[in-house]
Amino acid sequence: NATEFYRGQGQVEHVDQRTAWIAEVVRQAPELKFWGGIVEVNP
């Protein structure tokens, strides 16, 4: 999902923080025992 972050003066930035965090864990910390992932990816 694209989380809206408010940057002031009516400006909003969209960041897919959820996917970014999952990617960090899976790809940069394989030593961690991880459960989960992303689901229902909109085509």
All heavy atoms as atom14 arrays in JSON, in Angstrom:
{
  "sequence": "NATEFYRGQGQVEHVDQRTAWIAEVVRQAPELKFWGGIVEVNP",
  "atom14_mask": [
    [1, 1, 1, 1, 1, 1, 1, 1, 0, 0, 0, 0, 0, 0],
    [1, 1, 1, 1, 1, 0, 0, 0, 0, 0, 0, 0, 0, 0],
    [1, 1, 1, 1, 1, 1, 1, 0, 0, 0, 0, 0, 0, 0],
    [1, 1, 1, 1, 1, 1, 1, 1, 1, 0, 0, 0, 0, 0],
    [1, 1, 1, 1, 1, 1, 1, 1, 1, 1, 1, 0, 0, 0],
    [1, 1, 1, 1, 1, 1, 1, 1, 1, 1, 1, 1, 0, 0],
    [1, 1, 1, 1, 1, 1, 1, 1, 1, 1, 1, 0, 0, 0],
    [1, 1, 1, 1, 0, 0, 0, 0, 0, 0, 0, 0, 0, 0],
    [1, 1, 1, 1, 1, 1, 1, 1, 1, 0, 0, 0, 0, 0],
    [1, 1, 1, 1, 0, 0, 0, 0, 0, 0, 0, 0, 0, 0],
    [1, 1, 1, 1, 1, 1, 1, 1, 1, 0, 0, 0, 0, 0],
    [1, 1, 1, 1, 1, 1, 1, 0, 0, 0, 0, 0, 0, 0],
    [1, 1, 1, 1, 1, 1, 1, 1, 1, 0, 0, 0, 0, 0],
    [1, 1, 1, 1, 1, 1, 1, 1, 1, 1, 0, 0, 0, 0],
    [1, 1, 1, 1, 1, 1, 1, 0, 0, 0, 0, 0, 0, 0],
    [1, 1, 1, 1, 1, 1, 1, 1, 0, 0, 0, 0, 0, 0],
    [1, 1, 1, 1, 1, 1, 1, 1, 1, 0, 0, 0, 0, 0],
    [1, 1, 1, 1, 1, 1, 1, 1, 1, 1, 1, 0, 0, 0],
    [1, 1, 1, 1, 1, 1, 1, 0, 0, 0, 0, 0, 0, 0],
    [1, 1, 1, 1, 1, 0, 0, 0, 0, 0, 0, 0, 0, 0],
    [1, 1, 1, 1, 1, 1, 1, 1, 1, 1, 1, 1, 1, 1],
    [1, 1, 1, 1, 1, 1, 1, 1, 0, 0, 0, 0, 0, 0],
    [1, 1, 1, 1, 1, 0, 0, 0, 0, 0, 0, 0, 0, 0],
    [1, 1, 1, 1, 1, 1, 1, 1, 1, 0, 0, 0, 0, 0],
    [1, 1, 1, 1, 1, 1, 1, 0, 0, 0, 0, 0, 0, 0],
    [1, 1, 1, 1, 1, 1, 1, 0, 0, 0, 0, 0, 0, 0],
    [1, 1, 1, 1, 1, 1, 1, 1, 1, 1, 1, 0, 0, 0],
    [1, 1, 1, 1, 1, 1, 1, 1, 1, 0, 0, 0, 0, 0],
    [1, 1, 1, 1, 1, 0, 0, 0, 0, 0, 0, 0, 0, 0],
    [1, 1, 1, 1, 1, 1, 1, 0, 0, 0, 0, 0, 0, 0],
    [1, 1, 1, 1, 1, 1, 1, 1, 1, 0, 0, 0, 0, 0],
    [1, 1, 1, 1, 1, 1, 1, 1, 0, 0, 0, 0, 0, 0],
    [1, 1, 1, 1, 1, 1, 1, 1, 1, 0, 0, 0, 0, 0],
    [1, 1, 1, 1, 1, 1, 1, 1, 1, 1, 1, 0, 0, 0],
    [1, 1, 1, 1, 1, 1, 1, 1, 1, 1, 1, 1, 1, 1],
    [1, 1, 1, 1, 0, 0, 0, 0, 0, 0, 0, 0, 0, 0],
    [1, 1, 1, 1, 0, 0, 0, 0, 0, 0, 0, 0, 0, 0],
    [1, 1, 1, 1, 1, 1, 1, 1, 0, 0, 0, 0, 0, 0],
    [1, 1, 1, 1, 1, 1, 1, 0, 0, 0, 0, 0, 0, 0],
    [1, 1, 1, 1, 1, 1, 1, 1, 1, 0, 0, 0, 0, 0],
    [1, 1, 1, 1, 1, 1, 1, 0, 0, 0, 0, 0, 0, 0],
    [1, 1, 1, 1, 1, 1, 1, 1, 0, 0, 0, 0, 0, 0],
    [1, 1, 1, 1, 1, 1, 1, 0, 0, 0, 0, 0, 0, 0]
  ],
  "atom14_positions": [
    [[0.84, -1.19, 0.0], [0.0, 0.0, 0.0], [0.88, 1.25, 0.0], [2.03, 1.21, 0.42], [-0.94, 0.02, 1.21], [-0.2, 0.28, 2.51], [0.91, -0.17, 2.7], [-0.82, 1.01, 3.42], [0.0, 0.0, 0.0], [0.0, 0.0, 0.0], [0.0, 0.0, 0.0], [0.0, 0.0, 0.0], [0.0, 0.0, 0.0], [0.0, 0.0, 0.0]],
    [[0.31, 2.33, -0.48], [1.03, 3.6, -0.53], [0.56, 4.47, 0.63], [-0.54, 5.02, 0.61], [0.78, 4.31, -1.87], [0.0, 0.0, 0.0], [0.0, 0.0, 0.0], [0.0, 0.0, 0.0], [0.0, 0.0, 0.0], [0.0, 0.0, 0.0], [0.0, 0.0, 0.0], [0.0, 0.0, 0.0], [0.0, 0.0, 0.0], [0.0, 0.0, 0.0]],
    [[1.38, 4.56, 1.67], [1.05, 5.37, 2.83], [1.24, 6.84, 2.51], [2.27, 7.24, 1.98], [1.93, 4.98, 4.03], [1.74, 3.6, 4.33], [1.58, 5.82, 5.26], [0.0, 0.0, 0.0], [0.0, 0.0, 0.0], [0.0, 0.0, 0.0], [0.0, 0.0, 0.0], [0.0, 0.0, 0.0], [0.0, 0.0, 0.0], [0.0, 0.0, 0.0]],
    [[0.25, 7.65, 2.85], [0.36, 9.1, 2.68], [1.12, 9.71, 3.85], [0.75, 9.52, 5.0], [-1.03, 9.75, 2.62], [-1.79, 9.54, 1.33], [-3.03, 10.42, 1.27], [-3.29, 11.18, 2.24], [-3.75, 10.35, 0.26], [0.0, 0.0, 0.0], [0.0, 0.0, 0.0], [0.0, 0.0, 0.0], [0.0, 0.0, 0.0], [0.0, 0.0, 0.0]],
    [[2.17, 10.45, 3.55], [2.88, 11.23, 4.55], [2.72, 12.71, 4.22], [2.95, 13.12, 3.08], [4.37, 10.86, 4.58], [4.64, 9.5, 5.18], [4.7, 8.37, 4.38], [4.8, 9.36, 6.55], [4.95, 7.13, 4.92], [5.04, 8.12, 7.11], [5.11, 7.0, 6.29], [0.0, 0.0, 0.0], [0.0, 0.0, 0.0], [0.0, 0.0, 0.0]],
    [[2.32, 13.48, 5.22], [2.08, 14.91, 5.01], [3.38, 15.69, 5.11], [4.13, 15.54, 6.09], [1.07, 15.44, 6.03], [0.6, 16.83, 5.72], [-0.21, 17.08, 4.62], [0.96, 17.91, 6.53], [-0.65, 18.36, 4.32], [0.52, 19.19, 6.24], [-0.28, 19.41, 5.13], [-0.72, 20.69, 4.84], [0.0, 0.0, 0.0], [0.0, 0.0, 0.0]],
    [[3.67, 16.51, 4.1], [4.92, 17.26, 4.06], [4.71, 18.75, 4.22], [5.64, 19.54, 4.03], [5.64, 16.98, 2.74], [5.98, 15.5, 2.5], [6.65, 14.84, 3.68], [7.11, 13.49, 3.4], [7.4, 12.6, 4.32], [7.27, 12.91, 5.61], [7.82, 11.39, 3.99], [0.0, 0.0, 0.0], [0.0, 0.0, 0.0], [0.0, 0.0, 0.0]],
    [[3.5, 19.17, 4.55], [3.24, 20.58, 4.79], [2.69, 21.29, 3.58], [2.91, 20.88, 2.44], [0.0, 0.0, 0.0], [0.0, 0.0, 0.0], [0.0, 0.0, 0.0], [0.0, 0.0, 0.0], [0.0, 0.0, 0.0], [0.0, 0.0, 0.0], [0.0, 0.0, 0.0], [0.0, 0.0, 0.0], [0.0, 0.0, 0.0], [0.0, 0.0, 0.0]],
    [[1.95, 22.37, 3.84], [1.4, 23.22, 2.78], [0.57, 22.43, 1.77], [0.61, 22.69, 0.57], [2.52, 24.0, 2.07], [3.29, 24.92, 3.0], [4.37, 25.71, 2.3], [4.9, 25.28, 1.27], [4.69, 26.87, 2.84], [0.0, 0.0, 0.0], [0.0, 0.0, 0.0], [0.0, 0.0, 0.0], [0.0, 0.0, 0.0], [0.0, 0.0, 0.0]],
    [[-0.17, 21.47, 2.27], [-1.07, 20.69, 1.43], [-0.4, 19.63, 0.6], [-1.06, 18.97, -0.22], [0.0, 0.0, 0.0], [0.0, 0.0, 0.0], [0.0, 0.0, 0.0], [0.0, 0.0, 0.0], [0.0, 0.0, 0.0], [0.0, 0.0, 0.0], [0.0, 0.0, 0.0], [0.0, 0.0, 0.0], [0.0, 0.0, 0.0], [0.0, 0.0, 0.0]],
    [[0.91, 19.4, 0.79], [1.64, 18.44, -0.02], [1.7, 17.07, 0.67], [2.02, 16.98, 1.86], [3.07, 18.93, -0.28], [3.12, 20.27, -1.01], [2.41, 20.22, -2.35], [2.69, 19.34, -3.18], [1.5, 21.14, -2.57], [0.0, 0.0, 0.0], [0.0, 0.0, 0.0], [0.0, 0.0, 0.0], [0.0, 0.0, 0.0], [0.0, 0.0, 0.0]],
    [[1.39, 16.02, -0.1], [1.36, 14.66, 0.42], [2.32, 13.8, -0.4], [2.34, 13.87, -1.63], [-0.06, 14.07, 0.36], [-0.06, 12.6, 0.72], [-1.0, 14.85, 1.29], [0.0, 0.0, 0.0], [0.0, 0.0, 0.0], [0.0, 0.0, 0.0], [0.0, 0.0, 0.0], [0.0, 0.0, 0.0], [0.0, 0.0, 0.0], [0.0, 0.0, 0.0]],
    [[3.13, 13.0, 0.28], [4.03, 12.06, -0.38], [3.54, 10.64, -0.13], [3.14, 10.3, 0.99], [5.45, 12.2, 0.17], [6.46, 11.24, -0.47], [7.83, 11.32, 0.17], [7.97, 12.06, 1.16], [8.75, 10.65, -0.33], [0.0, 0.0, 0.0], [0.0, 0.0, 0.0], [0.0, 0.0, 0.0], [0.0, 0.0, 0.0], [0.0, 0.0, 0.0]],
    [[3.56, 9.79, -1.16], [3.13, 8.41, -1.05], [4.35, 7.49, -0.97], [5.23, 7.53, -1.84], [2.24, 8.01, -2.22], [0.93, 8.73, -2.25], [0.77, 9.97, -2.82], [-0.29, 8.38, -1.74], [-0.49, 10.37, -2.67], [-1.15, 9.42, -2.03], [0.0, 0.0, 0.0], [0.0, 0.0, 0.0], [0.0, 0.0, 0.0], [0.0, 0.0, 0.0]],
    [[4.39, 6.65, 0.07], [5.52, 5.75, 0.3], [4.98, 4.36, 0.6], [4.16, 4.2, 1.51], [6.39, 6.23, 1.48], [7.53, 5.26, 1.74], [6.91, 7.64, 1.24], [0.0, 0.0, 0.0], [0.0, 0.0, 0.0], [0.0, 0.0, 0.0], [0.0, 0.0, 0.0], [0.0, 0.0, 0.0], [0.0, 0.0, 0.0], [0.0, 0.0, 0.0]],
    [[5.44, 3.34, -0.14], [5.04, 1.98, 0.16], [5.96, 1.44, 1.26], [6.88, 0.66, 1.02], [5.11, 1.08, -1.07], [4.34, -0.22, -0.86], [4.32, -0.72, 0.28], [3.73, -0.74, -1.81], [0.0, 0.0, 0.0], [0.0, 0.0, 0.0], [0.0, 0.0, 0.0], [0.0, 0.0, 0.0], [0.0, 0.0, 0.0], [0.0, 0.0, 0.0]],
    [[5.71, 1.92, 2.46], [6.57, 1.59, 3.6], [6.46, 0.1, 3.95], [7.46, -0.53, 4.32], [6.15, 2.45, 4.79], [7.08, 2.38, 5.98], [6.63, 3.3, 7.09], [5.52, 3.2, 7.59], [7.5, 4.22, 7.49], [0.0, 0.0, 0.0], [0.0, 0.0, 0.0], [0.0, 0.0, 0.0], [0.0, 0.0, 0.0], [0.0, 0.0, 0.0]],
    [[5.27, -0.46, 3.79], [5.07, -1.86, 4.15], [5.96, -2.77, 3.29], [6.69, -3.62, 3.82], [3.59, -2.23, 3.98], [3.21, -3.6, 4.49], [1.72, -3.81, 4.32], [0.95, -2.88, 5.15], [-0.37, -2.72, 5.05], [-1.04, -3.38, 4.13], [-0.99, -1.88, 5.85], [0.0, 0.0, 0.0], [0.0, 0.0, 0.0], [0.0, 0.0, 0.0]],
    [[5.91, -2.59, 1.98], [6.73, -3.42, 1.1], [8.22, -3.15, 1.32], [9.05, -4.07, 1.28], [6.36, -3.18, -0.37], [4.96, -3.44, -0.55], [7.14, -4.1, -1.3], [0.0, 0.0, 0.0], [0.0, 0.0, 0.0], [0.0, 0.0, 0.0], [0.0, 0.0, 0.0], [0.0, 0.0, 0.0], [0.0, 0.0, 0.0], [0.0, 0.0, 0.0]],
    [[8.57, -1.9, 1.56], [9.97, -1.55, 1.78], [10.52, -2.26, 3.01], [11.65, -2.78, 2.99], [10.12, -0.03, 1.93], [0.0, 0.0, 0.0], [0.0, 0.0, 0.0], [0.0, 0.0, 0.0], [0.0, 0.0, 0.0], [0.0, 0.0, 0.0], [0.0, 0.0, 0.0], [0.0, 0.0, 0.0], [0.0, 0.0, 0.0], [0.0, 0.0, 0.0]],
    [[9.75, -2.3, 4.1], [10.22, -2.97, 5.31], [10.35, -4.47, 5.09], [11.32, -5.09, 5.53], [9.27, -2.67, 6.47], [9.42, -1.29, 7.03], [10.11, -0.24, 6.49], [8.88, -0.81, 8.26], [10.02, 0.86, 7.31], [9.27, 0.54, 8.4], [8.08, -1.38, 9.25], [8.9, 1.32, 9.49], [7.7, -0.6, 10.36], [8.11, 0.74, 10.47]],
    [[9.36, -5.07, 4.42], [9.43, -6.51, 4.16], [10.65, -6.83, 3.29], [11.38, -7.8, 3.55], [8.13, -6.99, 3.48], [6.96, -6.9, 4.48], [8.27, -8.42, 2.97], [5.59, -7.16, 3.85], [0.0, 0.0, 0.0], [0.0, 0.0, 0.0], [0.0, 0.0, 0.0], [0.0, 0.0, 0.0], [0.0, 0.0, 0.0], [0.0, 0.0, 0.0]],
    [[10.9, -6.01, 2.28], [12.06, -6.23, 1.41], [13.37, -6.13, 2.19], [14.3, -6.92, 1.97], [12.04, -5.23, 0.26], [0.0, 0.0, 0.0], [0.0, 0.0, 0.0], [0.0, 0.0, 0.0], [0.0, 0.0, 0.0], [0.0, 0.0, 0.0], [0.0, 0.0, 0.0], [0.0, 0.0, 0.0], [0.0, 0.0, 0.0], [0.0, 0.0, 0.0]],
    [[13.46, -5.18, 3.11], [14.67, -5.05, 3.92], [14.93, -6.31, 4.73], [16.05, -6.83, 4.79], [14.55, -3.86, 4.87], [14.98, -2.53, 4.3], [15.22, -1.52, 5.41], [16.24, -1.67, 6.11], [14.38, -0.63, 5.58], [0.0, 0.0, 0.0], [0.0, 0.0, 0.0], [0.0, 0.0, 0.0], [0.0, 0.0, 0.0], [0.0, 0.0, 0.0]],
    [[13.89, -6.8, 5.39], [14.05, -7.97, 6.25], [14.43, -9.19, 5.42], [15.39, -9.92, 5.74], [12.75, -8.25, 7.05], [12.88, -9.55, 7.83], [12.46, -7.09, 7.99], [0.0, 0.0, 0.0], [0.0, 0.0, 0.0], [0.0, 0.0, 0.0], [0.0, 0.0, 0.0], [0.0, 0.0, 0.0], [0.0, 0.0, 0.0], [0.0, 0.0, 0.0]],
    [[13.69, -9.44, 4.34], [13.9, -10.65, 3.54], [15.27, -10.63, 2.85], [15.98, -11.65, 2.81], [12.76, -10.81, 2.52], [13.08, -11.92, 1.52], [11.44, -11.08, 3.24], [0.0, 0.0, 0.0], [0.0, 0.0, 0.0], [0.0, 0.0, 0.0], [0.0, 0.0, 0.0], [0.0, 0.0, 0.0], [0.0, 0.0, 0.0], [0.0, 0.0, 0.0]],
    [[15.65, -9.48, 2.31], [16.84, -9.43, 1.46], [18.12, -9.02, 2.19], [19.21, -9.39, 1.75], [16.58, -8.46, 0.31], [15.47, -8.95, -0.62], [15.05, -7.89, -1.62], [13.99, -8.41, -2.51], [13.32, -7.67, -3.38], [13.62, -6.36, -3.51], [12.38, -8.21, -4.14], [0.0, 0.0, 0.0], [0.0, 0.0, 0.0], [0.0, 0.0, 0.0]],
    [[17.99, -8.29, 3.28], [19.19, -7.8, 3.95], [19.45, -8.46, 5.3], [20.51, -8.27, 5.89], [19.1, -6.28, 4.14], [18.99, -5.51, 2.84], [18.92, -4.01, 3.06], [19.57, -3.47, 3.95], [18.13, -3.33, 2.24], [0.0, 0.0, 0.0], [0.0, 0.0, 0.0], [0.0, 0.0, 0.0], [0.0, 0.0, 0.0], [0.0, 0.0, 0.0]],
    [[18.48, -9.23, 5.8], [18.66, -9.87, 7.1], [18.18, -11.32, 7.05], [17.26, -11.72, 7.78], [17.92, -9.1, 8.19], [0.0, 0.0, 0.0], [0.0, 0.0, 0.0], [0.0, 0.0, 0.0], [0.0, 0.0, 0.0], [0.0, 0.0, 0.0], [0.0, 0.0, 0.0], [0.0, 0.0, 0.0], [0.0, 0.0, 0.0], [0.0, 0.0, 0.0]],
    [[18.78, -12.15, 6.18], [18.32, -13.54, 6.05], [18.52, -14.35, 7.31], [17.93, -15.43, 7.46], [19.16, -14.07, 4.88], [20.39, -13.2, 4.86], [19.91, -11.84, 5.28], [0.0, 0.0, 0.0], [0.0, 0.0, 0.0], [0.0, 0.0, 0.0], [0.0, 0.0, 0.0], [0.0, 0.0, 0.0], [0.0, 0.0, 0.0], [0.0, 0.0, 0.0]],
    [[19.33, -13.85, 8.24], [19.55, -14.58, 9.49], [18.33, -14.51, 10.42], [18.2, -15.34, 11.34], [20.78, -14.04, 10.22], [20.63, -12.65, 10.83], [20.79, -11.51, 9.81], [20.94, -11.8, 8.61], [20.78, -10.34, 10.24], [0.0, 0.0, 0.0], [0.0, 0.0, 0.0], [0.0, 0.0, 0.0], [0.0, 0.0, 0.0], [0.0, 0.0, 0.0]],
    [[17.43, -13.57, 10.17], [16.23, -13.46, 11.0], [15.2, -14.49, 10.55], [14.97, -14.69, 9.36], [15.63, -12.04, 10.88], [16.45, -10.9, 11.44], [15.76, -9.56, 11.15], [16.67, -11.06, 12.94], [0.0, 0.0, 0.0], [0.0, 0.0, 0.0], [0.0, 0.0, 0.0], [0.0, 0.0, 0.0], [0.0, 0.0, 0.0], [0.0, 0.0, 0.0]],
    [[14.57, -15.12, 11.52], [13.45, -16.02, 11.22], [12.22, -15.16, 11.0], [11.7, -14.53, 11.93], [13.24, -16.99, 12.38], [14.4, -17.95, 12.6], [14.13, -18.86, 13.78], [15.31, -19.8, 14.02], [15.08, -20.67, 15.21], [0.0, 0.0, 0.0], [0.0, 0.0, 0.0], [0.0, 0.0, 0.0], [0.0, 0.0, 0.0], [0.0, 0.0, 0.0]],
    [[11.76, -15.15, 9.75], [10.7, -14.21, 9.34], [9.43, -14.97, 8.99], [9.48, -16.02, 8.34], [11.17, -13.4, 8.14], [10.11, -12.52, 7.52], [9.66, -11.4, 8.18], [9.56, -12.84, 6.29], [8.68, -10.59, 7.62], [8.59, -12.04, 5.71], [8.14, -10.91, 6.39], [0.0, 0.0, 0.0], [0.0, 0.0, 0.0], [0.0, 0.0, 0.0]],
    [[8.29, -14.41, 9.42], [6.98, -14.95, 9.01], [6.18, -13.83, 8.35], [6.13, -12.71, 8.87], [6.18, -15.47, 10.21], [4.83, -16.03, 9.8], [4.57, -17.31, 9.42], [3.59, -15.33, 9.71], [3.24, -17.47, 9.1], [2.62, -16.25, 9.26], [3.21, -14.02, 9.97], [1.27, -15.89, 9.06], [1.87, -13.66, 9.76], [0.92, -14.59, 9.32]],
    [[5.55, -14.15, 7.22], [4.66, -13.2, 6.58], [5.06, -12.9, 5.16], [5.53, -13.77, 4.43], [0.0, 0.0, 0.0], [0.0, 0.0, 0.0], [0.0, 0.0, 0.0], [0.0, 0.0, 0.0], [0.0, 0.0, 0.0], [0.0, 0.0, 0.0], [0.0, 0.0, 0.0], [0.0, 0.0, 0.0], [0.0, 0.0, 0.0], [0.0, 0.0, 0.0]],
    [[4.86, -11.66, 4.76], [5.12, -11.22, 3.4], [3.98, -10.39, 2.88], [3.08, -9.98, 3.63], [0.0, 0.0, 0.0], [0.0, 0.0, 0.0], [0.0, 0.0, 0.0], [0.0, 0.0, 0.0], [0.0, 0.0, 0.0], [0.0, 0.0, 0.0], [0.0, 0.0, 0.0], [0.0, 0.0, 0.0], [0.0, 0.0, 0.0], [0.0, 0.0, 0.0]],
    [[4.0, -10.12, 1.59], [2.93, -9.34, 0.99], [1.9, -10.28, 0.36], [2.21, -11.38, -0.07], [3.47, -8.34, -0.07], [4.22, -9.07, -1.2], [4.36, -7.3, 0.6], [4.65, -8.15, -2.31], [0.0, 0.0, 0.0], [0.0, 0.0, 0.0], [0.0, 0.0, 0.0], [0.0, 0.0, 0.0], [0.0, 0.0, 0.0], [0.0, 0.0, 0.0]],
    [[0.66, -9.82, 0.35], [-0.45, -10.61, -0.2], [-1.3, -9.72, -1.09], [-1.24, -8.49, -1.01], [-1.32, -11.21, 0.92], [-0.53, -12.2, 1.76], [-1.91, -10.11, 1.81], [0.0, 0.0, 0.0], [0.0, 0.0, 0.0], [0.0, 0.0, 0.0], [0.0, 0.0, 0.0], [0.0, 0.0, 0.0], [0.0, 0.0, 0.0], [0.0, 0.0, 0.0]],
    [[-2.09, -10.36, -1.94], [-3.08, -9.66, -2.76], [-2.47, -8.48, -3.53], [-2.93, -7.35, -3.44], [-4.24, -9.16, -1.9], [-5.0, -10.28, -1.18], [-6.12, -9.73, -0.32], [-6.61, -8.62, -0.58], [-6.5, -10.44, 0.64], [0.0, 0.0, 0.0], [0.0, 0.0, 0.0], [0.0, 0.0, 0.0], [0.0, 0.0, 0.0], [0.0, 0.0, 0.0]],
    [[-1.44, -8.78, -4.28], [-0.8, -7.73, -5.08], [-1.73, -7.36, -6.24], [-2.09, -8.2, -7.06], [0.55, -8.2, -5.63], [1.2, -7.09, -6.44], [1.46, -8.63, -4.48], [0.0, 0.0, 0.0], [0.0, 0.0, 0.0], [0.0, 0.0, 0.0], [0.0, 0.0, 0.0], [0.0, 0.0, 0.0], [0.0, 0.0, 0.0], [0.0, 0.0, 0.0]],
    [[-2.12, -6.11, -6.31], [-2.99, -5.63, -7.38], [-2.23, -5.69, -8.71], [-1.17, -5.09, -8.86], [-3.42, -4.2, -7.08], [-4.46, -3.68, -8.04], [-4.44, -4.01, -9.22], [-5.37, -2.86, -7.55], [0.0, 0.0, 0.0], [0.0, 0.0, 0.0], [0.0, 0.0, 0.0], [0.0, 0.0, 0.0], [0.0, 0.0, 0.0], [0.0, 0.0, 0.0]],
    [[-2.78, -6.42, -9.7], [-2.06, -6.55, -10.98], [-1.76, -5.21, -11.64], [-0.73, -5.06, -12.32], [-3.02, -7.37, -11.84], [-3.87, -8.13, -10.87], [-4.03, -7.22, -9.7], [0.0, 0.0, 0.0], [0.0, 0.0, 0.0], [0.0, 0.0, 0.0], [0.0, 0.0, 0.0], [0.0, 0.0, 0.0], [0.0, 0.0, 0.0], [0.0, 0.0, 0.0]]
  ]
}
